[in-house]
Amino acid sequence: MADVEDKLRAVQEVLSQFEHPLLEFSARAHGDSVQLIIHVKNVTVPVHTYYFDLHPRDLEHPQLAWTLQRQLYDCLHDYFIEMFVRAPHTKGE
């Protein structure tokens, strides 16, 4: 478990470098890996929290900071797309 805790601390250290006015970023141990969590701050409408499991290979990458930044930006894109309550592709649902 110490290995997962070390990876979690490394991810938390990278995440501490990011600050956003609308979103909070955190991480937690999740099985043998680490899970990235994105949560909307001060939301007045129901919006889900976004969870993303980081791959062990990415956690061991020598450039973890760069890899995690790329994944975070990809997750942000996915998260905001998932927030649509209506879009052309959802007609009839």
PDB file of N, CA and C in Angstrom:
ATOM      1  N   MET A   1       0.821  -1.200   0.000  1.00  0.00           N
ATOM      2  CA  MET A   1       0.000   0.000   0.000  1.00  0.00           C
ATOM      3  C   MET A   1       0.865   1.265   0.000  1.00  0.00           C
ATOM      4  N   ALA A   2       2.072   1.168   0.520  1.00  0.00           N
ATOM      5  CA  ALA A   2       2.951   2.338   0.544  1.00  0.00           C
ATOM      6  C   ALA A   2       3.209   2.856  -0.865  1.00  0.00           C
ATOM      7  N   ASP A   3       3.300   1.943  -1.825  1.00  0.00           N
ATOM      8  CA  ASP A   3       3.531   2.345  -3.210  1.00  0.00           C
ATOM      9  C   ASP A   3       2.382   3.216  -3.716  1.00  0.00           C
ATOM     10  N   VAL A   4       1.147   2.818  -3.434  1.00  0.00           N
ATOM     11  CA  VAL A   4      -0.016   3.600  -3.852  1.00  0.00           C
ATOM     12  C   VAL A   4      -0.016   4.949  -3.134  1.00  0.00           C
ATOM     13  N   GLU A   5       0.340   4.959  -1.874  1.00  0.00           N
ATOM     14  CA  GLU A   5       0.389   6.213  -1.120  1.00  0.00           C
ATOM     15  C   GLU A   5       1.447   7.158  -1.694  1.00  0.00           C
ATOM     16  N   ASP A   6       2.577   6.612  -2.134  1.00  0.00           N
ATOM     17  CA  ASP A   6       3.615   7.432  -2.768  1.00  0.00           C
ATOM     18  C   ASP A   6       3.097   8.028  -4.072  1.00  0.00           C
ATOM     19  N   LYS A   7       2.403   7.218  -4.850  1.00  0.00           N
ATOM     20  CA  LYS A   7       1.839   7.699  -6.124  1.00  0.00           C
ATOM     21  C   LYS A   7       0.777   8.755  -5.866  1.00  0.00           C
ATOM     22  N   LEU A   8      -0.052   8.524  -4.842  1.00  0.00           N
ATOM     23  CA  LEU A   8      -1.087   9.494  -4.493  1.00  0.00           C
ATOM     24  C   LEU A   8      -0.454  10.827  -4.098  1.00  0.00           C
ATOM     25  N   ARG A   9       0.572  10.806  -3.282  1.00  0.00           N
ATOM     26  CA  ARG A   9       1.257  12.041  -2.885  1.00  0.00           C
ATOM     27  C   ARG A   9       1.845  12.759  -4.105  1.00  0.00           C
ATOM     28  N   ALA A  10       2.399  12.001  -5.036  1.00  0.00           N
ATOM     29  CA  ALA A  10       2.978  12.606  -6.248  1.00  0.00           C
ATOM     30  C   ALA A  10       1.885  13.291  -7.073  1.00  0.00           C
ATOM     31  N   VAL A  11       0.743  12.649  -7.212  1.00  0.00           N
ATOM     32  CA  VAL A  11      -0.371  13.236  -7.965  1.00  0.00           C
ATOM     33  C   VAL A  11      -0.892  14.467  -7.238  1.00  0.00           C
ATOM     34  N   GLN A  12      -1.042  14.391  -5.934  1.00  0.00           N
ATOM     35  CA  GLN A  12      -1.525  15.540  -5.168  1.00  0.00           C
ATOM     36  C   GLN A  12      -0.566  16.724  -5.273  1.00  0.00           C
ATOM     37  N   GLU A  13       0.718  16.433  -5.324  1.00  0.00           N
ATOM     38  CA  GLU A  13       1.709  17.502  -5.481  1.00  0.00           C
ATOM     39  C   GLU A  13       1.544  18.205  -6.821  1.00  0.00           C
ATOM     40  N   VAL A  14       1.332  17.430  -7.880  1.00  0.00           N
ATOM     41  CA  VAL A  14       1.107  18.035  -9.200  1.00  0.00           C
ATOM     42  C   VAL A  14      -0.191  18.832  -9.188  1.00  0.00           C
ATOM     43  N   LEU A  15      -1.260  18.266  -8.639  1.00  0.00           N
ATOM     44  CA  LEU A  15      -2.554  18.948  -8.627  1.00  0.00           C
ATOM     45  C   LEU A  15      -2.511  20.242  -7.819  1.00  0.00           C
ATOM     46  N   SER A  16      -1.644  20.313  -6.832  1.00  0.00           N
ATOM     47  CA  SER A  16      -1.558  21.523  -6.008  1.00  0.00           C
ATOM     48  C   SER A  16      -1.082  22.731  -6.814  1.00  0.00           C
ATOM     49  N   GLN A  17      -0.545  22.496  -7.987  1.00  0.00           N
ATOM     50  CA  GLN A  17      -0.063  23.583  -8.844  1.00  0.00           C
ATOM     51  C   GLN A  17      -1.178  24.191  -9.695  1.00  0.00           C
ATOM     52  N   PHE A  18      -2.368  23.577  -9.645  1.00  0.00           N
ATOM     53  CA  PHE A  18      -3.500  24.043 -10.440  1.00  0.00           C
ATOM     54  C   PHE A  18      -4.521  24.709  -9.526  1.00  0.00           C
ATOM     55  N   GLU A  19      -5.015  25.860  -9.959  1.00  0.00           N
ATOM     56  CA  GLU A  19      -6.097  26.532  -9.252  1.00  0.00           C
ATOM     57  C   GLU A  19      -7.079  27.033 -10.301  1.00  0.00           C
ATOM     58  N   HIS A  20      -8.353  26.797 -10.067  1.00  0.00           N
ATOM     59  CA  HIS A  20      -9.386  27.159 -11.025  1.00  0.00           C
ATOM     60  C   HIS A  20     -10.526  27.824 -10.257  1.00  0.00           C
ATOM     61  N   PRO A  21     -11.132  28.876 -10.789  1.00  0.00           N
ATOM     62  CA  PRO A  21     -12.198  29.556 -10.044  1.00  0.00           C
ATOM     63  C   PRO A  21     -13.494  28.746  -9.935  1.00  0.00           C
ATOM     64  N   LEU A  22     -13.691  27.794 -10.830  1.00  0.00           N
ATOM     65  CA  LEU A  22     -14.946  27.035 -10.830  1.00  0.00           C
ATOM     66  C   LEU A  22     -14.801  25.584 -10.382  1.00  0.00           C
ATOM     67  N   LEU A  23     -13.582  25.047 -10.427  1.00  0.00           N
ATOM     68  CA  LEU A  23     -13.392  23.621 -10.196  1.00  0.00           C
ATOM     69  C   LEU A  23     -12.390  23.346  -9.090  1.00  0.00           C
ATOM     70  N   GLU A  24     -12.602  22.227  -8.398  1.00  0.00           N
ATOM     71  CA  GLU A  24     -11.646  21.717  -7.418  1.00  0.00           C
ATOM     72  C   GLU A  24     -11.077  20.417  -7.950  1.00  0.00           C
ATOM     73  N   PHE A  25      -9.783  20.221  -7.763  1.00  0.00           N
ATOM     74  CA  PHE A  25      -9.113  19.006  -8.207  1.00  0.00           C
ATOM     75  C   PHE A  25      -8.560  18.288  -6.984  1.00  0.00           C
ATOM     76  N   SER A  26      -8.786  16.993  -6.924  1.00  0.00           N
ATOM     77  CA  SER A  26      -8.233  16.197  -5.838  1.00  0.00           C
ATOM     78  C   SER A  26      -7.949  14.794  -6.370  1.00  0.00           C
ATOM     79  N   ALA A  27      -7.400  13.982  -5.500  1.00  0.00           N
ATOM     80  CA  ALA A  27      -7.082  12.599  -5.871  1.00  0.00           C
ATOM     81  C   ALA A  27      -7.219  11.734  -4.629  1.00  0.00           C
ATOM     82  N   ARG A  28      -7.436  10.452  -4.862  1.00  0.00           N
ATOM     83  CA  ARG A  28      -7.518   9.496  -3.765  1.00  0.00           C
ATOM     84  C   ARG A  28      -6.987   8.157  -4.239  1.00  0.00           C
ATOM     85  N   ALA A  29      -6.548   7.351  -3.284  1.00  0.00           N
ATOM     86  CA  ALA A  29      -6.140   5.991  -3.613  1.00  0.00           C
ATOM     87  C   ALA A  29      -7.388   5.229  -4.047  1.00  0.00           C
ATOM     88  N   HIS A  30      -7.225   4.424  -5.074  1.00  0.00           N
ATOM     89  CA  HIS A  30      -8.356   3.653  -5.607  1.00  0.00           C
ATOM     90  C   HIS A  30      -7.829   2.298  -6.035  1.00  0.00           C
ATOM     91  N   GLY A  31      -7.950   1.319  -5.151  1.00  0.00           N
ATOM     92  CA  GLY A  31      -7.378   0.006  -5.431  1.00  0.00           C
ATOM     93  C   GLY A  31      -5.867   0.104  -5.481  1.00  0.00           C
ATOM     94  N   ASP A  32      -5.294  -0.379  -6.566  1.00  0.00           N
ATOM     95  CA  ASP A  32      -3.839  -0.340  -6.743  1.00  0.00           C
ATOM     96  C   ASP A  32      -3.386   0.925  -7.456  1.00  0.00           C
ATOM     97  N   SER A  33      -4.302   1.861  -7.655  1.00  0.00           N
ATOM     98  CA  SER A  33      -3.970   3.040  -8.446  1.00  0.00           C
ATOM     99  C   SER A  33      -4.438   4.304  -7.733  1.00  0.00           C
ATOM    100  N   VAL A  34      -4.560   5.363  -8.515  1.00  0.00           N
ATOM    101  CA  VAL A  34      -4.989   6.660  -8.005  1.00  0.00           C
ATOM    102  C   VAL A  34      -6.128   7.151  -8.882  1.00  0.00           C
ATOM    103  N   GLN A  35      -7.104   7.770  -8.250  1.00  0.00           N
ATOM    104  CA  GLN A  35      -8.251   8.298  -8.971  1.00  0.00           C
ATOM    105  C   GLN A  35      -8.233   9.820  -8.890  1.00  0.00           C
ATOM    106  N   LEU A  36      -8.363  10.460 -10.034  1.00  0.00           N
ATOM    107  CA  LEU A  36      -8.449  11.907 -10.142  1.00  0.00           C
ATOM    108  C   LEU A  36      -9.911  12.301  -9.973  1.00  0.00           C
ATOM    109  N   ILE A  37     -10.161  13.367  -9.207  1.00  0.00           N
ATOM    110  CA  ILE A  37     -11.533  13.810  -8.950  1.00  0.00           C
ATOM    111  C   ILE A  37     -11.642  15.282  -9.320  1.00  0.00           C
ATOM    112  N   ILE A  38     -12.677  15.614 -10.096  1.00  0.00           N
ATOM    113  CA  ILE A  38     -12.955  17.001 -10.471  1.00  0.00           C
ATOM    114  C   ILE A  38     -14.361  17.314  -9.970  1.00  0.00           C
ATOM    115  N   HIS A  39     -14.457  18.361  -9.175  1.00  0.00           N
ATOM    116  CA  HIS A  39     -15.716  18.738  -8.552  1.00  0.00           C
ATOM    117  C   HIS A  39     -15.977  20.217  -8.812  1.00  0.00           C
ATOM    118  N   VAL A  40     -17.216  20.566  -9.131  1.00  0.00           N
ATOM    119  CA  VAL A  40     -17.585  21.963  -9.356  1.00  0.00           C
ATOM    120  C   VAL A  40     -17.770  22.658  -8.002  1.00  0.00           C
ATOM    121  N   LYS A  41     -17.178  23.839  -7.865  1.00  0.00           N
ATOM    122  CA  LYS A  41     -17.316  24.637  -6.641  1.00  0.00           C
ATOM    123  C   LYS A  41     -18.638  25.399  -6.656  1.00  0.00           C
ATOM    124  N   ASN A  42     -19.233  25.584  -5.512  1.00  0.00           N
ATOM    125  CA  ASN A  42     -20.394  26.473  -5.332  1.00  0.00           C
ATOM    126  C   ASN A  42     -21.454  26.327  -6.418  1.00  0.00           C
ATOM    127  N   VAL A  43     -21.782  25.131  -6.750  1.00  0.00           N
ATOM    128  CA  VAL A  43     -22.746  24.895  -7.816  1.00  0.00           C
ATOM    129  C   VAL A  43     -24.178  25.045  -7.283  1.00  0.00           C
ATOM    130  N   THR A  44     -25.044  25.669  -8.094  1.00  0.00           N
ATOM    131  CA  THR A  44     -26.444  25.844  -7.698  1.00  0.00           C
ATOM    132  C   THR A  44     -27.376  24.925  -8.465  1.00  0.00           C
ATOM    133  N   VAL A  45     -26.823  24.206  -9.428  1.00  0.00           N
ATOM    134  CA  VAL A  45     -27.598  23.206 -10.171  1.00  0.00           C
ATOM    135  C   VAL A  45     -26.914  21.856  -9.973  1.00  0.00           C
ATOM    136  N   PRO A  46     -27.680  20.777 -10.026  1.00  0.00           N
ATOM    137  CA  PRO A  46     -27.048  19.469  -9.807  1.00  0.00           C
ATOM    138  C   PRO A  46     -26.090  19.096 -10.938  1.00  0.00           C
ATOM    139  N   VAL A  47     -24.829  18.931 -10.585  1.00  0.00           N
ATOM    140  CA  VAL A  47     -23.794  18.528 -11.536  1.00  0.00           C
ATOM    141  C   VAL A  47     -22.991  17.412 -10.874  1.00  0.00           C
ATOM    142  N   HIS A  48     -22.760  16.361 -11.635  1.00  0.00           N
ATOM    143  CA  HIS A  48     -22.029  15.232 -11.071  1.00  0.00           C
ATOM    144  C   HIS A  48     -20.544  15.560 -10.872  1.00  0.00           C
ATOM    145  N   THR A  49     -19.926  14.788 -10.032  1.00  0.00           N
ATOM    146  CA  THR A  49     -18.480  14.856  -9.829  1.00  0.00           C
ATOM    147  C   THR A  49     -17.840  13.916 -10.830  1.00  0.00           C
ATOM    148  N   TYR A  50     -16.712  14.320 -11.390  1.00  0.00           N
ATOM    149  CA  TYR A  50     -16.021  13.541 -12.415  1.00  0.00           C
ATOM    150  C   TYR A  50     -14.891  12.749 -11.778  1.00  0.00           C
ATOM    151  N   TYR A  51     -14.847  11.450 -12.081  1.00  0.00           N
ATOM    152  CA  TYR A  51     -13.802  10.568 -11.574  1.00  0.00           C
ATOM    153  C   TYR A  51     -13.053   9.957 -12.752  1.00  0.00           C
ATOM    154  N   PHE A  52     -11.733   9.898 -12.619  1.00  0.00           N
ATOM    155  CA  PHE A  52     -10.911   9.310 -13.674  1.00  0.00           C
ATOM    156  C   PHE A  52      -9.800   8.494 -13.021  1.00  0.00           C
ATOM    157  N   ASP A  53      -9.740   7.206 -13.366  1.00  0.00           N
ATOM    158  CA  ASP A  53      -8.698   6.329 -12.835  1.00  0.00           C
ATOM    159  C   ASP A  53      -7.424   6.497 -13.650  1.00  0.00           C
ATOM    160  N   LEU A  54      -6.358   6.856 -12.963  1.00  0.00           N
ATOM    161  CA  LEU A  54      -5.062   7.008 -13.621  1.00  0.00           C
ATOM    162  C   LEU A  54      -4.431   5.637 -13.809  1.00  0.00           C
ATOM    163  N   HIS A  55      -3.883   5.393 -14.959  1.00  0.00           N
ATOM    164  CA  HIS A  55      -3.258   4.110 -15.277  1.00  0.00           C
ATOM    165  C   HIS A  55      -1.916   4.004 -14.556  1.00  0.00           C
ATOM    166  N   PRO A  56      -1.611   2.845 -13.967  1.00  0.00           N
ATOM    167  CA  PRO A  56      -0.326   2.679 -13.280  1.00  0.00           C
ATOM    168  C   PRO A  56       0.877   3.067 -14.144  1.00  0.00           C
ATOM    169  N   ARG A  57       0.810   2.801 -15.430  1.00  0.00           N
ATOM    170  CA  ARG A  57       1.904   3.155 -16.343  1.00  0.00           C
ATOM    171  C   ARG A  57       2.113   4.664 -16.363  1.00  0.00           C
ATOM    172  N   ASP A  58       1.019   5.431 -16.317  1.00  0.00           N
ATOM    173  CA  ASP A  58       1.131   6.886 -16.319  1.00  0.00           C
ATOM    174  C   ASP A  58       1.668   7.406 -14.992  1.00  0.00           C
ATOM    175  N   LEU A  59       1.296   6.741 -13.908  1.00  0.00           N
ATOM    176  CA  LEU A  59       1.781   7.149 -12.592  1.00  0.00           C
ATOM    177  C   LEU A  59       3.279   6.925 -12.440  1.00  0.00           C
ATOM    178  N   GLU A  60       3.816   5.992 -13.184  1.00  0.00           N
ATOM    179  CA  GLU A  60       5.240   5.675 -13.117  1.00  0.00           C
ATOM    180  C   GLU A  60       6.054   6.408 -14.183  1.00  0.00           C
ATOM    181  N   HIS A  61       5.378   7.192 -15.014  1.00  0.00           N
ATOM    182  CA  HIS A  61       6.053   7.912 -16.094  1.00  0.00           C
ATOM    183  C   HIS A  61       7.029   8.926 -15.505  1.00  0.00           C
ATOM    184  N   PRO A  62       8.246   9.009 -16.061  1.00  0.00           N
ATOM    185  CA  PRO A  62       9.234   9.952 -15.522  1.00  0.00           C
ATOM    186  C   PRO A  62       8.790  11.411 -15.616  1.00  0.00           C
ATOM    187  N   GLN A  63       7.863  11.708 -16.519  1.00  0.00           N
ATOM    188  CA  GLN A  63       7.345  13.069 -16.640  1.00  0.00           C
ATOM    189  C   GLN A  63       5.889  13.100 -16.185  1.00  0.00           C
ATOM    190  N   LEU A  64       5.667  12.662 -14.949  1.00  0.00           N
ATOM    191  CA  LEU A  64       4.315  12.578 -14.403  1.00  0.00           C
ATOM    192  C   LEU A  64       3.579  13.911 -14.503  1.00  0.00           C
ATOM    193  N   ALA A  65       4.241  15.006 -14.204  1.00  0.00           N
ATOM    194  CA  ALA A  65       3.580  16.314 -14.225  1.00  0.00           C
ATOM    195  C   ALA A  65       2.996  16.614 -15.607  1.00  0.00           C
ATOM    196  N   TRP A  66       3.764  16.381 -16.642  1.00  0.00           N
ATOM    197  CA  TRP A  66       3.289  16.648 -18.005  1.00  0.00           C
ATOM    198  C   TRP A  66       2.162  15.686 -18.379  1.00  0.00           C
ATOM    199  N   THR A  67       2.345  14.417 -18.074  1.00  0.00           N
ATOM    200  CA  THR A  67       1.335  13.397 -18.389  1.00  0.00           C
ATOM    201  C   THR A  67       0.029  13.703 -17.666  1.00  0.00           C
ATOM    202  N   LEU A  68       0.122  14.061 -16.397  1.00  0.00           N
ATOM    203  CA  LEU A  68      -1.080  14.359 -15.621  1.00  0.00           C
ATOM    204  C   LEU A  68      -1.768  15.617 -16.134  1.00  0.00           C
ATOM    205  N   GLN A  69      -1.001  16.620 -16.526  1.00  0.00           N
ATOM    206  CA  GLN A  69      -1.604  17.838 -17.083  1.00  0.00           C
ATOM    207  C   GLN A  69      -2.389  17.511 -18.354  1.00  0.00           C
ATOM    208  N   ARG A  70      -1.812  16.728 -19.230  1.00  0.00           N
ATOM    209  CA  ARG A  70      -2.507  16.339 -20.464  1.00  0.00           C
ATOM    210  C   ARG A  70      -3.798  15.599 -20.135  1.00  0.00           C
ATOM    211  N   GLN A  71      -3.733  14.662 -19.196  1.00  0.00           N
ATOM    212  CA  GLN A  71      -4.927  13.905 -18.824  1.00  0.00           C
ATOM    213  C   GLN A  71      -5.967  14.802 -18.162  1.00  0.00           C
ATOM    214  N   LEU A  72      -5.527  15.720 -17.328  1.00  0.00           N
ATOM    215  CA  LEU A  72      -6.455  16.641 -16.678  1.00  0.00           C
ATOM    216  C   LEU A  72      -7.204  17.463 -17.716  1.00  0.00           C
ATOM    217  N   TYR A  73      -6.497  17.994 -18.694  1.00  0.00           N
ATOM    218  CA  TYR A  73      -7.148  18.788 -19.739  1.00  0.00           C
ATOM    219  C   TYR A  73      -8.114  17.940 -20.565  1.00  0.00           C
ATOM    220  N   ASP A  74      -7.747  16.705 -20.859  1.00  0.00           N
ATOM    221  CA  ASP A  74      -8.664  15.796 -21.562  1.00  0.00           C
ATOM    222  C   ASP A  74      -9.911  15.531 -20.723  1.00  0.00           C
ATOM    223  N   CYS A  75      -9.715  15.320 -19.423  1.00  0.00           N
ATOM    224  CA  CYS A  75     -10.848  15.077 -18.523  1.00  0.00           C
ATOM    225  C   CYS A  75     -11.763  16.296 -18.452  1.00  0.00           C
ATOM    226  N   LEU A  76     -11.182  17.491 -18.417  1.00  0.00           N
ATOM    227  CA  LEU A  76     -11.991  18.709 -18.381  1.00  0.00           C
ATOM    228  C   LEU A  76     -12.878  18.813 -19.615  1.00  0.00           C
ATOM    229  N   HIS A  77     -12.318  18.500 -20.752  1.00  0.00           N
ATOM    230  CA  HIS A  77     -13.108  18.499 -21.984  1.00  0.00           C
ATOM    231  C   HIS A  77     -14.272  17.520 -21.864  1.00  0.00           C
ATOM    232  N   ASP A  78     -13.984  16.303 -21.470  1.00  0.00           N
ATOM    233  CA  ASP A  78     -15.023  15.282 -21.332  1.00  0.00           C
ATOM    234  C   ASP A  78     -16.076  15.697 -20.306  1.00  0.00           C
ATOM    235  N   TYR A  79     -15.623  16.218 -19.178  1.00  0.00           N
ATOM    236  CA  TYR A  79     -16.523  16.610 -18.095  1.00  0.00           C
ATOM    237  C   TYR A  79     -17.500  17.686 -18.568  1.00  0.00           C
ATOM    238  N   PHE A  80     -16.995  18.723 -19.222  1.00  0.00           N
ATOM    239  CA  PHE A  80     -17.883  19.791 -19.668  1.00  0.00           C
ATOM    240  C   PHE A  80     -18.845  19.314 -20.750  1.00  0.00           C
ATOM    241  N   ILE A  81     -18.421  18.415 -21.601  1.00  0.00           N
ATOM    242  CA  ILE A  81     -19.334  17.859 -22.608  1.00  0.00           C
ATOM    243  C   ILE A  81     -20.428  17.050 -21.918  1.00  0.00           C
ATOM    244  N   GLU A  82     -20.065  16.289 -20.880  1.00  0.00           N
ATOM    245  CA  GLU A  82     -21.053  15.491 -20.149  1.00  0.00           C
ATOM    246  C   GLU A  82     -22.089  16.358 -19.430  1.00  0.00           C
ATOM    247  N   MET A  83     -21.781  17.626 -19.196  1.00  0.00           N
ATOM    248  CA  MET A  83     -22.704  18.506 -18.481  1.00  0.00           C
ATOM    249  C   MET A  83     -23.865  19.001 -19.341  1.00  0.00           C
ATOM    250  N   PHE A  84     -23.795  18.839 -20.638  1.00  0.00           N
ATOM    251  CA  PHE A  84     -24.908  19.282 -21.475  1.00  0.00           C
ATOM    252  C   PHE A  84     -26.188  18.590 -21.028  1.00  0.00           C
ATOM    253  N   VAL A  85     -27.247  19.364 -20.841  1.00  0.00           N
ATOM    254  CA  VAL A  85     -28.540  18.765 -20.522  1.00  0.00           C
ATOM    255  C   VAL A  85     -29.383  18.584 -21.793  1.00  0.00           C
ATOM    256  N   ARG A  86     -28.967  19.259 -22.853  1.00  0.00           N
ATOM    257  CA  ARG A  86     -29.616  19.072 -24.136  1.00  0.00           C
ATOM    258  C   ARG A  86     -28.609  19.414 -25.218  1.00  0.00           C
ATOM    259  N   ALA A  87     -28.562  18.608 -26.253  1.00  0.00           N
ATOM    260  CA  ALA A  87     -27.679  18.819 -27.387  1.00  0.00           C
ATOM    261  C   ALA A  87     -28.320  18.166 -28.607  1.00  0.00           C
ATOM    262  N   PRO A  88     -27.902  18.535 -29.818  1.00  0.00           N
ATOM    263  CA  PRO A  88     -28.523  17.951 -31.013  1.00  0.00           C
ATOM    264  C   PRO A  88     -28.516  16.422 -31.024  1.00  0.00           C
ATOM    265  N   HIS A  89     -27.469  15.805 -30.509  1.00  0.00           N
ATOM    266  CA  HIS A  89     -27.404  14.350 -30.552  1.00  0.00           C
ATOM    267  C   HIS A  89     -28.301  13.677 -29.510  1.00  0.00           C
ATOM    268  N   THR A  90     -28.934  14.461 -28.612  1.00  0.00           N
ATOM    269  CA  THR A  90     -29.796  13.875 -27.585  1.00  0.00           C
ATOM    270  C   THR A  90     -31.281  14.028 -27.888  1.00  0.00           C
ATOM    271  N   LYS A  91     -31.631  14.534 -29.054  1.00  0.00           N
ATOM    272  CA  LYS A  91     -33.048  14.699 -29.420  1.00  0.00           C
ATOM    273  C   LYS A  91     -33.764  13.369 -29.293  1.00  0.00           C
ATOM    274  N   GLY A  92     -34.917  13.430 -28.683  1.00  0.00           N
ATOM    275  CA  GLY A  92     -35.745  12.239 -28.564  1.00  0.00           C
ATOM    276  C   GLY A  92     -35.446  11.398 -27.326  1.00  0.00           C
ATOM    277  N   GLU A  93     -34.441  11.747 -26.576  1.00  0.00           N
ATOM    278  CA  GLU A  93     -34.131  10.985 -25.348  1.00  0.00           C
ATOM    279  C   GLU A  93     -34.998  11.468 -24.209  1.00  0.00           C
TER     280      GLU A  93
END
